[in-house]
């Protein structure tokens, strides 16, 4: 099979949603289709002792939430599937944002009982800015929820994207009878269990339909959609301008098989990716890829570090030598794996679209480009977002300074928290988007590095970066704290909006850089 055929077999996508919309449950069902598990774990696993397959970290099992992105690879029909299950909690949105740079499409799950929620909007906007095709699954139809027409209207109004319902529910909650599959011209009957009955539309009992009020209501809604709704356009879907909408229940499960079979046909194969100097096609024979995530201690027995690499072009072969573009150093990729959450198998070869794990001895950073052959330039920089909360950090036991430094360094390299140093008085400060990140940090330091840490809050701060030539330490104090980031760049942690405005008025000659605005401006599509 040639390189182009291998690329066309790849389907690499992320699943996004607000917490509790059913994202991890959906992931479990797709793993069942790939024959990777025999039964799905339960997200709320503390009572049953079963945990979601994609939630491999101990704190995830305790809390019943996803706090880090997981990667799952499996074969389905004739395709090679790479699923990235992302954290839904907003405190881990930066991990999700980076993960979205590594996918070719997204499945957005919406809770039919709640509609579009805050985190869904944030993640959708990132996808929209990057031009990522979005497929929507409206979940929990076996419960009473919002009317389907209202849900479509909300998607179009709030998210500003066309919708095309690929199927349509017949009732919901206790009156839920199944879905009319518009795309495949069939009715899928809900039997209240995992069995689904498929009936071609032209074979349905028209007399029974005419006598059933729920069916009649559904047909009236479909008539309205056919007359006033948008026409299906795969071109607009792939451009991120229209979202195919599917209805069902991941937990039941119902409608998931139909959704996935249709999705896998329509979702795009890996496309071209932009570097600093050129656009690289996926079937370019020269190997290239970029690291979008680093994870420490996936195997607690070995305390290893894995860098997650998205292959962008060429063919990866285990044992090959590549160049780390940032340093020019040659690295041999001998220890490489593919995943089902924390379980892994050695991977011998991979192609554009595949996600592989590369053993990391400390050489890699998030955003690094690996190259082989004639390619020279790096892939566009991954987005970084400024923290909103800041705390001083120290080891509770000074005798464990070595473990403290190692744990801090490795967890910072993962990108979940950011490290800053006070200037000119040296102190360690970690920044995070939300409080839960600090709780996970404390938990992992204690359980993975055997170090208890002390955290002292310095409150929510407003970070602004400075040009080195404009830095004057005498301008700053505890209220407007001068610090350095990991790259030795200066920034100020302003106490509040008033302090920021006061400084701007007093020092108009100083350029203050808002990293969030920079990311908003720079987040254009890779393809």
Protein backbone atom coordinates (compact mmCIF):
# COMPACT_ATOMS: atom_id res chain seq x y z
CA UNK A 1 0.00 0.00 0.00
CA UNK A 2 1.51 3.35 -1.01
CA UNK A 3 1.87 6.44 1.17
CA UNK A 4 -1.23 8.21 -0.14
CA UNK A 5 -3.43 5.15 0.49
CA UNK A 6 -2.12 4.89 4.06
CA UNK A 7 -2.93 8.55 4.71
CA UNK A 8 -6.50 8.16 3.39
CA UNK A 9 -7.10 5.33 5.88
CA UNK A 10 -6.42 7.63 8.88
CA UNK A 11 -9.19 9.32 10.86
CA UNK A 12 -7.87 11.44 13.73
CA UNK A 13 -10.35 13.35 15.85
CA UNK A 14 -11.00 14.75 19.31
CA UNK A 15 -14.16 14.52 21.39
CA UNK A 16 -15.12 17.75 23.16
CA UNK A 17 -17.96 18.75 25.47
CA UNK A 18 -18.93 20.45 28.69
CA UNK A 19 -18.38 18.21 31.77
CA UNK A 20 -20.99 15.47 32.21
CA UNK A 21 -22.38 15.75 28.69
CA UNK A 22 -21.29 12.16 28.00
CA UNK A 23 -17.93 12.58 26.30
CA UNK A 24 -16.05 9.80 28.08
CA UNK A 25 -19.08 7.50 27.83
CA UNK A 26 -19.07 8.04 24.06
CA UNK A 27 -15.36 7.24 23.94
CA UNK A 28 -15.98 3.94 25.73
CA UNK A 29 -18.61 2.95 23.17
CA UNK A 30 -16.27 3.66 20.28
CA UNK A 31 -13.60 1.51 21.92
CA UNK A 32 -16.15 -1.30 22.08
CA UNK A 33 -16.62 -0.96 18.31
CA UNK A 34 -12.85 -1.27 17.91
CA UNK A 35 -12.89 -4.48 20.01
CA UNK A 36 -10.43 -2.96 22.47
CA UNK A 37 -12.58 -3.53 25.54
CA UNK A 38 -15.31 -6.04 26.37
CA UNK A 39 -17.44 -3.73 28.48
CA UNK A 40 -17.43 -0.02 29.02
CA UNK A 41 -16.19 1.44 32.30
CA UNK A 42 -18.45 3.81 34.19
CA UNK A 43 -17.45 7.42 34.58
CA UNK A 44 -18.73 7.56 38.14
CA UNK A 45 -16.67 4.51 38.99
CA UNK A 46 -16.17 4.74 42.75
CA UNK A 47 -19.16 2.52 43.64
CA UNK A 48 -18.67 -0.16 41.02
CA UNK A 49 -14.88 -0.23 41.07
CA UNK A 50 -14.93 0.20 37.26
CA UNK A 51 -13.38 3.28 35.72
CA UNK A 52 -13.52 4.81 32.31
CA UNK A 53 -10.83 3.31 30.10
CA UNK A 54 -9.63 6.74 29.02
CA UNK A 55 -9.38 7.98 32.64
CA UNK A 56 -6.09 6.32 33.62
CA UNK A 57 -4.77 8.77 36.23
CA UNK A 58 -5.50 7.90 39.87
CA UNK A 59 -7.10 11.26 40.65
CA UNK A 60 -9.41 10.82 37.64
CA UNK A 61 -10.64 7.52 39.07
CA UNK A 62 -11.23 9.13 42.48
CA UNK A 63 -13.13 12.14 41.16
CA UNK A 64 -14.87 10.56 38.16
CA UNK A 65 -13.66 13.28 35.78
CA UNK A 66 -11.09 13.55 33.00
CA UNK A 67 -8.20 15.86 33.89
CA UNK A 68 -5.82 15.03 31.06
CA UNK A 69 -6.17 14.19 27.38
CA UNK A 70 -6.05 10.48 26.52
CA UNK A 71 -5.10 8.88 23.21
CA UNK A 72 -6.68 5.74 21.81
CA UNK A 73 -5.71 3.99 18.57
CA UNK A 74 -7.65 1.16 16.92
CA UNK A 75 -8.75 -0.32 13.59
CA UNK A 76 -12.36 0.05 12.49
CA UNK A 77 -13.54 -1.45 9.22
CA UNK A 78 -10.78 -0.41 6.83
CA UNK A 79 -9.73 2.69 8.79
CA UNK A 80 -7.02 3.48 11.34
CA UNK A 81 -8.74 5.50 14.07
CA UNK A 82 -6.99 7.89 16.47
CA UNK A 83 -9.29 9.29 19.18
CA UNK A 84 -8.21 12.01 21.57
CA UNK A 85 -10.49 12.21 24.60
CA UNK A 86 -10.04 15.65 26.14
CA UNK A 87 -10.77 17.04 29.62
CA UNK A 88 -14.16 18.72 29.74
CA UNK A 89 -13.44 20.73 32.88
CA UNK A 90 -12.56 24.35 32.10
CA UNK A 91 -9.59 24.29 34.49
CA UNK A 92 -7.81 22.04 31.97
CA UNK A 93 -8.81 23.90 28.82
CA UNK A 94 -5.20 24.66 27.83
CA UNK A 95 -4.49 20.92 27.52
CA UNK A 96 -7.58 20.63 25.32
CA UNK A 97 -6.61 23.63 23.17
CA UNK A 98 -3.21 22.09 22.41
CA UNK A 99 -4.77 18.72 21.69
CA UNK A 100 -7.04 20.32 19.09
CA UNK A 101 -3.98 21.29 17.05
CA UNK A 102 -3.27 17.58 16.52
CA UNK A 103 -6.64 16.50 15.06
CA UNK A 104 -8.34 16.67 11.67
CA UNK A 105 -11.92 16.85 12.95
CA UNK A 106 -13.92 17.11 16.17
CA UNK A 107 -16.98 15.39 17.63
CA UNK A 108 -18.91 17.84 19.80
CA UNK A 109 -21.27 16.26 22.32
CA UNK A 110 -24.22 18.28 23.62
CA UNK A 111 -26.47 17.25 26.50
CA UNK A 112 -30.06 17.35 25.18
CA UNK A 113 -31.35 18.16 28.66
CA UNK A 114 -29.12 21.24 29.06
CA UNK A 115 -28.28 22.44 25.56
CA UNK A 116 -25.09 24.35 24.83
CA UNK A 117 -23.02 25.08 27.94
CA UNK A 118 -20.14 27.45 28.67
CA UNK A 119 -17.20 25.13 28.05
CA UNK A 120 -18.74 23.89 24.80
CA UNK A 121 -18.78 27.47 23.53
CA UNK A 122 -15.11 28.03 24.42
CA UNK A 123 -13.94 24.82 22.75
CA UNK A 124 -16.14 25.39 19.71
CA UNK A 125 -14.60 28.83 19.18
CA UNK A 126 -11.11 27.31 19.12
CA UNK A 127 -12.24 24.76 16.52
CA UNK A 128 -13.92 27.46 14.46
CA UNK A 129 -10.82 29.67 14.49
CA UNK A 130 -8.75 26.75 13.25
CA UNK A 131 -11.28 25.72 10.61
CA UNK A 132 -11.64 22.23 12.11
CA UNK A 133 -14.68 20.27 10.81
CA UNK A 134 -17.19 19.71 13.62
CA UNK A 135 -19.65 16.81 13.90
CA UNK A 136 -22.34 17.16 16.58
CA UNK A 137 -23.88 14.36 18.66
CA UNK A 138 -26.85 15.44 20.79
CA UNK A 139 -26.83 13.02 23.69
CA UNK A 140 -29.28 11.66 26.32
CA UNK A 141 -32.38 11.43 24.09
CA UNK A 142 -33.67 8.69 26.38
CA UNK A 143 -34.28 11.45 28.96
CA UNK A 144 -36.70 14.35 28.82
CA UNK A 145 -34.85 17.29 27.34
CA UNK A 146 -35.10 20.38 25.18
CA UNK A 147 -37.04 20.18 21.92
CA UNK A 148 -34.84 19.11 18.98
CA UNK A 149 -35.78 22.19 16.93
CA UNK A 150 -34.80 24.41 19.87
CA UNK A 151 -31.44 22.64 20.11
CA UNK A 152 -30.74 23.18 16.40
CA UNK A 153 -31.73 26.83 16.71
CA UNK A 154 -29.44 27.26 19.72
CA UNK A 155 -26.47 25.72 17.87
CA UNK A 156 -26.98 28.06 14.93
CA UNK A 157 -27.54 31.19 17.03
CA UNK A 158 -24.98 30.68 19.80
CA UNK A 159 -22.26 28.99 17.78
CA UNK A 160 -22.94 30.72 14.46
CA UNK A 161 -22.74 27.60 12.30
CA UNK A 162 -25.20 25.94 9.91
CA UNK A 163 -26.75 22.67 11.07
CA UNK A 164 -27.92 19.68 9.08
CA UNK A 165 -29.69 16.94 11.09
CA UNK A 166 -28.49 13.59 9.76
CA UNK A 167 -31.23 11.89 11.75
CA UNK A 168 -34.25 13.02 13.74
CA UNK A 169 -35.61 11.68 17.04
CA UNK A 170 -39.07 10.23 17.33
CA UNK A 171 -40.05 11.42 20.80
CA UNK A 172 -37.75 11.59 23.81
CA UNK A 173 -37.58 10.38 27.41
CA UNK A 174 -40.32 7.83 28.11
CA UNK A 175 -41.83 8.53 24.67
CA UNK A 176 -38.55 7.93 22.84
CA UNK A 177 -39.23 5.43 20.03
CA UNK A 178 -36.08 5.78 17.96
CA UNK A 179 -34.58 7.93 15.20
CA UNK A 180 -35.37 8.51 11.55
CA UNK A 181 -32.03 8.22 9.79
CA UNK A 182 -32.30 10.79 6.97
CA UNK A 183 -28.84 10.08 5.57
CA UNK A 184 -29.35 6.30 5.21
CA UNK A 185 -33.16 6.28 4.64
CA UNK A 186 -34.04 4.03 7.55
CA UNK A 187 -35.80 4.02 10.90
CA UNK A 188 -33.80 2.77 13.89
CA UNK A 189 -36.12 1.53 16.60
CA UNK A 190 -35.24 2.03 20.26
CA UNK A 191 -35.99 -1.17 22.19
CA UNK A 192 -34.94 -0.01 25.66
CA UNK A 193 -31.78 -2.12 25.60
CA UNK A 194 -28.60 -2.39 23.56
CA UNK A 195 -30.44 -4.03 20.65
CA UNK A 196 -31.39 -1.78 17.73
CA UNK A 197 -33.89 -2.66 14.99
CA UNK A 198 -33.21 -1.20 11.53
CA UNK A 199 -36.21 -0.74 9.21
CA UNK A 200 -35.95 0.78 5.70
CA UNK A 201 -38.28 3.78 5.47
CA UNK A 202 -40.24 2.30 2.55
CA UNK A 203 -40.98 -0.81 4.63
CA UNK A 204 -42.45 0.99 7.65
CA UNK A 205 -46.08 0.39 8.63
CA UNK A 206 -47.76 3.56 7.39
CA UNK A 207 -51.04 2.73 9.14
CA UNK A 208 -49.31 2.48 12.51
CA UNK A 209 -47.48 5.74 11.85
CA UNK A 210 -50.72 7.54 10.97
CA UNK A 211 -52.26 6.46 14.29
CA UNK A 212 -49.30 7.46 16.47
CA UNK A 213 -49.23 11.11 17.63
CA UNK A 214 -45.48 11.02 18.35
CA UNK A 215 -44.71 9.89 14.80
CA UNK A 216 -47.00 12.54 13.36
CA UNK A 217 -45.30 15.26 15.40
CA UNK A 218 -41.91 14.03 14.15
CA UNK A 219 -43.05 14.04 10.51
CA UNK A 220 -44.31 17.62 10.87
CA UNK A 221 -40.94 18.70 12.27
CA UNK A 222 -39.12 16.95 9.44
CA UNK A 223 -41.33 18.62 6.86
CA UNK A 224 -40.42 21.99 8.35
CA UNK A 225 -36.72 21.10 8.26
CA UNK A 226 -36.91 19.91 4.66
CA UNK A 227 -38.55 23.16 3.56
CA UNK A 228 -36.68 25.72 5.65
CA UNK A 229 -33.44 23.99 6.64
CA UNK A 230 -30.03 24.09 4.97
CA UNK A 231 -29.04 21.54 2.35
CA UNK A 232 -26.31 19.07 3.28
CA UNK A 233 -22.93 20.14 1.91
CA UNK A 234 -19.85 18.02 2.61
CA UNK A 235 -17.74 20.89 1.25
CA UNK A 236 -19.14 23.26 3.90
CA UNK A 237 -18.73 20.58 6.59
CA UNK A 238 -15.04 20.15 5.76
CA UNK A 239 -14.61 23.93 5.76
CA UNK A 240 -16.05 24.12 9.29
CA UNK A 241 -19.11 26.07 8.12
CA UNK A 242 -21.78 23.39 8.59
CA UNK A 243 -22.10 20.74 11.29
CA UNK A 244 -23.90 17.42 10.71
CA UNK A 245 -26.10 16.75 13.75
CA UNK A 246 -26.87 13.29 15.12
CA UNK A 247 -29.29 12.40 17.93
CA UNK A 248 -28.97 9.43 20.29
CA UNK A 249 -27.85 8.19 23.69
CA UNK A 250 -24.27 7.13 24.41
CA UNK A 251 -25.21 5.46 27.70
CA UNK A 252 -28.15 3.39 26.37
CA UNK A 253 -26.33 3.06 23.91
CA UNK A 254 -28.52 4.06 20.99
CA UNK A 255 -27.69 5.72 17.69
CA UNK A 256 -23.94 5.55 18.37
CA UNK A 257 -23.21 2.85 15.78
CA UNK A 258 -25.11 4.74 13.08
CA UNK A 259 -23.39 7.97 14.03
CA UNK A 260 -19.90 6.45 13.96
CA UNK A 261 -20.42 4.58 10.68
CA UNK A 262 -21.56 7.82 9.02
CA UNK A 263 -18.89 9.95 10.69
CA UNK A 264 -16.06 7.65 9.66
CA UNK A 265 -17.13 7.98 6.01
CA UNK A 266 -17.46 11.77 6.07
CA UNK A 267 -14.64 12.86 8.41
CA UNK A 268 -11.56 14.15 6.59
CA UNK A 269 -8.32 12.26 6.23
CA UNK A 270 -5.14 14.11 7.32
CA UNK A 271 -4.56 17.28 5.32
CA UNK A 272 -1.60 19.59 4.68
CA UNK A 273 0.04 21.38 7.60
CA UNK A 274 1.76 24.74 7.63
CA UNK A 275 5.32 25.27 8.84
CA UNK A 276 7.12 28.59 9.22
CA UNK A 277 8.15 28.54 5.55
CA UNK A 278 5.93 26.14 3.63
CA UNK A 279 2.87 23.89 3.53
CA UNK A 280 3.68 20.19 3.96
CA UNK A 281 1.41 17.61 2.32
CA UNK A 282 0.70 14.45 4.34
CA UNK A 283 1.95 12.24 1.49
CA UNK A 284 5.28 14.08 1.34
CA UNK A 285 7.82 11.23 1.59
CA UNK A 286 9.93 13.12 4.16
CA UNK A 287 8.94 12.35 7.74
CA UNK A 288 7.79 15.18 10.01
CA UNK A 289 5.65 15.67 13.08
CA UNK A 290 5.19 17.84 16.16
CA UNK A 291 4.83 17.22 19.89
CA UNK A 292 1.59 18.55 21.35
CA UNK A 293 1.63 16.91 24.78
CA UNK A 294 4.08 15.50 27.32
CA UNK A 295 2.93 13.19 30.12
CA UNK A 296 5.01 12.00 33.07
CA UNK A 297 4.47 8.79 35.03
CA UNK A 298 1.95 7.06 32.79
CA UNK A 299 3.62 3.90 34.08
CA UNK A 300 4.07 4.51 37.85
CA UNK A 301 6.45 1.53 38.12
CA UNK A 302 8.95 3.04 35.70
CA UNK A 303 8.35 6.78 36.25
CA UNK A 304 8.64 7.36 32.52
CA UNK A 305 7.87 10.41 30.39
CA UNK A 306 6.05 10.16 27.10
CA UNK A 307 5.92 12.85 24.41
CA UNK A 308 2.84 12.61 22.19
CA UNK A 309 3.76 13.11 18.54
CA UNK A 310 1.34 13.89 15.71
CA UNK A 311 2.78 12.50 12.47
CA UNK A 312 2.27 15.09 9.72
CA UNK A 313 4.04 13.60 6.70
CA UNK A 314 6.06 10.66 5.48
CA UNK A 315 6.44 7.31 7.15
CA UNK A 316 7.61 6.76 10.71
CA UNK A 317 9.67 3.62 11.32
CA UNK A 318 10.83 2.56 14.76
CA UNK A 319 14.53 3.13 15.22
CA UNK A 320 14.75 5.93 12.66
CA UNK A 321 16.90 9.01 13.30
CA UNK A 322 15.20 12.41 13.26
CA UNK A 323 16.29 15.99 13.84
CA UNK A 324 14.86 18.01 16.72
CA UNK A 325 14.37 21.30 14.85
CA UNK A 326 14.66 23.54 17.92
CA UNK A 327 18.18 22.33 18.78
CA UNK A 328 19.41 20.66 15.58
CA UNK A 329 20.14 17.54 17.65
CA UNK A 330 19.78 14.07 16.08
CA UNK A 331 17.57 11.69 18.09
CA UNK A 332 16.91 7.99 17.51
CA UNK A 333 13.23 7.06 17.94
CA UNK A 334 13.67 3.58 19.35
CA UNK A 335 11.06 3.45 22.13
CA UNK A 336 7.74 4.29 20.54
CA UNK A 337 4.20 3.26 21.43
CA UNK A 338 0.54 3.57 20.55
CA UNK A 339 -2.14 3.72 23.19
CA UNK A 340 -5.43 2.82 24.71
CA UNK A 341 -5.26 5.36 27.54
CA UNK A 342 -2.38 4.10 29.74
CA UNK A 343 -2.09 0.69 28.00
CA UNK A 344 0.38 0.65 25.15
CA UNK A 345 1.91 -1.45 22.44
CA UNK A 346 5.15 -0.95 20.55
CA UNK A 347 4.51 0.70 17.21
CA UNK A 348 6.76 -0.23 14.30
CA UNK A 349 5.44 2.22 11.71
CA UNK A 350 3.04 5.14 11.48
CA UNK A 351 1.77 7.61 8.90
CA UNK A 352 0.33 11.12 8.73
CA UNK A 353 -2.57 11.42 11.17
CA UNK A 354 -1.27 8.81 13.60
CA UNK A 355 -0.54 9.74 17.20
CA UNK A 356 2.42 7.93 18.70
CA UNK A 357 4.19 8.12 22.04
CA UNK A 358 7.92 8.79 22.07
CA UNK A 359 10.04 8.10 25.14
CA UNK A 360 11.34 11.39 26.52
CA UNK A 361 14.49 11.63 28.58
CA UNK A 362 13.94 15.37 29.01
CA UNK A 363 14.86 16.50 25.49
CA UNK A 364 11.41 17.58 24.28
CA UNK A 365 9.16 20.55 24.81
CA UNK A 366 5.54 21.01 23.83
CA UNK A 367 5.49 22.36 20.28
CA UNK A 368 8.77 20.73 19.20
CA UNK A 369 9.07 19.67 15.55
CA UNK A 370 10.79 16.40 14.54
CA UNK A 371 12.07 16.14 10.96
CA UNK A 372 13.79 13.73 8.61
CA UNK A 373 14.90 14.31 5.02
CA UNK A 374 14.75 17.61 3.15
CA UNK A 375 12.27 19.38 5.42
CA UNK A 376 13.95 22.06 7.53
CA UNK A 377 11.41 24.43 9.09
CA UNK A 378 9.32 24.01 12.24
CA UNK A 379 5.54 23.66 12.45
CA UNK A 380 3.68 26.73 13.64
CA UNK A 381 3.94 27.36 17.35
CA UNK A 382 1.25 25.84 19.53
CA UNK A 383 -1.01 28.23 21.43
CA UNK A 384 -0.10 29.14 24.99
CA UNK A 385 -2.54 30.83 27.29
CA UNK A 386 -1.68 33.01 30.27
CA UNK A 387 -2.65 31.72 33.73
CA UNK A 388 -5.25 33.54 35.78
CA UNK A 389 -4.35 32.28 39.28
CA UNK A 390 -0.93 32.33 40.94
CA UNK A 391 0.51 30.68 44.05
CA UNK A 392 3.97 30.51 45.59
CA UNK A 393 5.12 26.91 45.93
CA UNK A 394 7.67 25.21 48.17
CA UNK A 395 8.42 21.74 49.57
CA UNK A 396 6.94 21.03 53.00
CA UNK A 397 10.05 18.99 53.87
CA UNK A 398 13.28 20.77 52.83
CA UNK A 399 15.07 17.39 52.86
CA UNK A 400 13.10 16.44 49.75
CA UNK A 401 14.36 19.33 47.65
CA UNK A 402 15.68 17.00 44.91
CA UNK A 403 12.33 15.20 44.45
CA UNK A 404 10.56 18.56 44.65
CA UNK A 405 12.64 20.05 41.83
CA UNK A 406 12.24 16.94 39.66
CA UNK A 407 8.47 16.77 40.13
CA UNK A 408 8.02 20.49 39.57
CA UNK A 409 10.14 20.44 36.41
CA UNK A 410 8.35 17.44 34.91
CA UNK A 411 4.82 18.62 35.66
CA UNK A 412 5.61 22.08 34.31
CA UNK A 413 6.95 20.50 31.10
CA UNK A 414 3.57 18.81 30.65
CA UNK A 415 2.03 22.27 30.34
CA UNK A 416 -0.72 21.79 32.95
CA UNK A 417 0.81 24.49 35.15
CA UNK A 418 3.27 27.28 34.38
CA UNK A 419 6.35 28.17 36.41
CA UNK A 420 7.62 31.67 37.16
CA UNK A 421 10.49 33.01 39.26
CA UNK A 422 10.36 36.23 41.22
CA UNK A 423 12.84 38.94 40.22
CA UNK A 424 15.11 40.19 41.66
CA UNK A 425 14.17 38.23 44.81
CA UNK A 426 14.04 34.58 43.75
CA UNK A 427 10.84 32.69 44.64
CA UNK A 428 8.91 29.95 42.84
CA UNK A 429 5.43 30.82 41.60
CA UNK A 430 3.13 28.51 39.67
CA UNK A 431 0.28 29.76 37.54
CA UNK A 432 -2.87 27.92 36.54
CA UNK A 433 -6.15 28.54 34.77
CA UNK A 434 -8.26 27.14 37.61
CA UNK A 435 -8.15 25.86 41.19
CA UNK A 436 -8.54 22.21 40.20
CA UNK A 437 -5.15 22.34 38.48
CA UNK A 438 -3.53 23.11 41.84
CA UNK A 439 -5.34 20.20 43.48
CA UNK A 440 -4.14 17.83 40.76
CA UNK A 441 -0.61 19.26 41.08
CA UNK A 442 -0.57 18.63 44.85
CA UNK A 443 -2.00 15.14 44.42
CA UNK A 444 0.53 14.15 41.77
CA UNK A 445 3.51 15.61 43.65
CA UNK A 446 2.56 13.56 46.71
CA UNK A 447 1.64 10.33 44.93
CA UNK A 448 4.14 10.32 42.06
CA UNK A 449 7.13 12.09 43.61
CA UNK A 450 6.50 11.52 47.34
CA UNK A 451 6.65 15.25 48.07
CA UNK A 452 4.09 17.30 49.97
CA UNK A 453 4.02 20.88 48.75
CA UNK A 454 2.97 24.13 50.38
CA UNK A 455 0.96 26.59 48.31
CA UNK A 456 0.53 30.24 49.22
CA UNK A 457 -1.97 32.12 47.11
CA UNK A 458 -1.04 35.55 45.79
CA UNK A 459 -4.51 35.82 44.30
CA UNK A 460 -5.80 36.25 40.78
CA UNK A 461 -3.37 38.36 38.80
CA UNK A 462 -3.29 39.97 35.37
CA UNK A 463 -0.10 38.92 33.56
CA UNK A 464 1.51 41.18 30.97
CA UNK A 465 4.81 40.42 29.25
CA UNK A 466 7.54 43.05 28.83
CA UNK A 467 10.27 43.77 26.32
CA UNK A 468 13.63 43.08 27.96
CA UNK A 469 15.05 46.47 27.05
CA UNK A 470 12.17 48.20 28.87
CA UNK A 471 12.52 46.35 32.19
CA UNK A 472 13.29 48.51 35.24
CA UNK A 473 12.90 46.53 38.51
CA UNK A 474 12.42 49.75 40.48
CA UNK A 475 9.01 50.20 38.83
CA UNK A 476 7.60 47.09 40.50
CA UNK A 477 6.79 45.79 43.97
CA UNK A 478 4.60 43.12 45.61
CA UNK A 479 1.49 44.80 44.23
CA UNK A 480 2.76 44.67 40.65
CA UNK A 481 5.10 41.69 40.83
CA UNK A 482 8.01 41.36 38.38
CA UNK A 483 8.79 37.74 37.45
CA UNK A 484 10.47 35.65 34.74
CA UNK A 485 8.94 32.74 32.82
CA UNK A 486 10.73 29.52 31.78
CA UNK A 487 12.13 31.25 28.69
CA UNK A 488 13.68 33.98 30.87
CA UNK A 489 11.22 36.53 29.49
CA UNK A 490 9.99 39.22 31.90
CA UNK A 491 6.36 39.76 32.83
CA UNK A 492 4.41 41.65 35.45
CA UNK A 493 1.67 40.11 37.59
CA UNK A 494 -0.66 43.06 38.17
CA UNK A 495 -2.77 42.96 41.34
CA UNK A 496 -5.99 43.99 39.57
CA UNK A 497 -7.44 46.06 36.73
CA UNK A 498 -6.97 49.29 38.68
CA UNK A 499 -3.26 48.59 39.19
CA UNK A 500 -2.87 47.78 35.49
CA UNK A 501 -4.61 50.99 34.37
CA UNK A 502 -2.62 53.08 36.85
CA UNK A 503 0.66 51.66 35.50
CA UNK A 504 -0.37 52.24 31.88
CA UNK A 505 -1.26 55.86 32.64
CA UNK A 506 1.97 56.48 34.53
CA UNK A 507 4.28 54.66 32.08
CA UNK A 508 2.79 55.03 28.58
CA UNK A 509 6.21 54.33 27.06
CA UNK A 510 6.20 50.73 28.36
CA UNK A 511 4.77 48.11 25.97
CA UNK A 512 2.63 45.57 27.82
CA UNK A 513 1.96 42.36 25.86
CA UNK A 514 -1.27 40.45 26.45
CA UNK A 515 -0.48 36.84 25.51
CA UNK A 516 -4.17 35.96 25.25
CA UNK A 517 -4.75 38.59 22.57
CA UNK A 518 -1.68 37.36 20.70
CA UNK A 519 -3.08 33.82 20.68
CA UNK A 520 -6.51 35.01 19.57
CA UNK A 521 -4.88 36.78 16.63
CA UNK A 522 -2.54 33.92 15.72
CA UNK A 523 -5.02 31.03 15.91
CA UNK A 524 -5.51 30.38 12.23
CA UNK A 525 -5.99 27.01 10.62
CA UNK A 526 -3.02 24.76 9.94
CA UNK A 527 -4.42 23.54 6.67
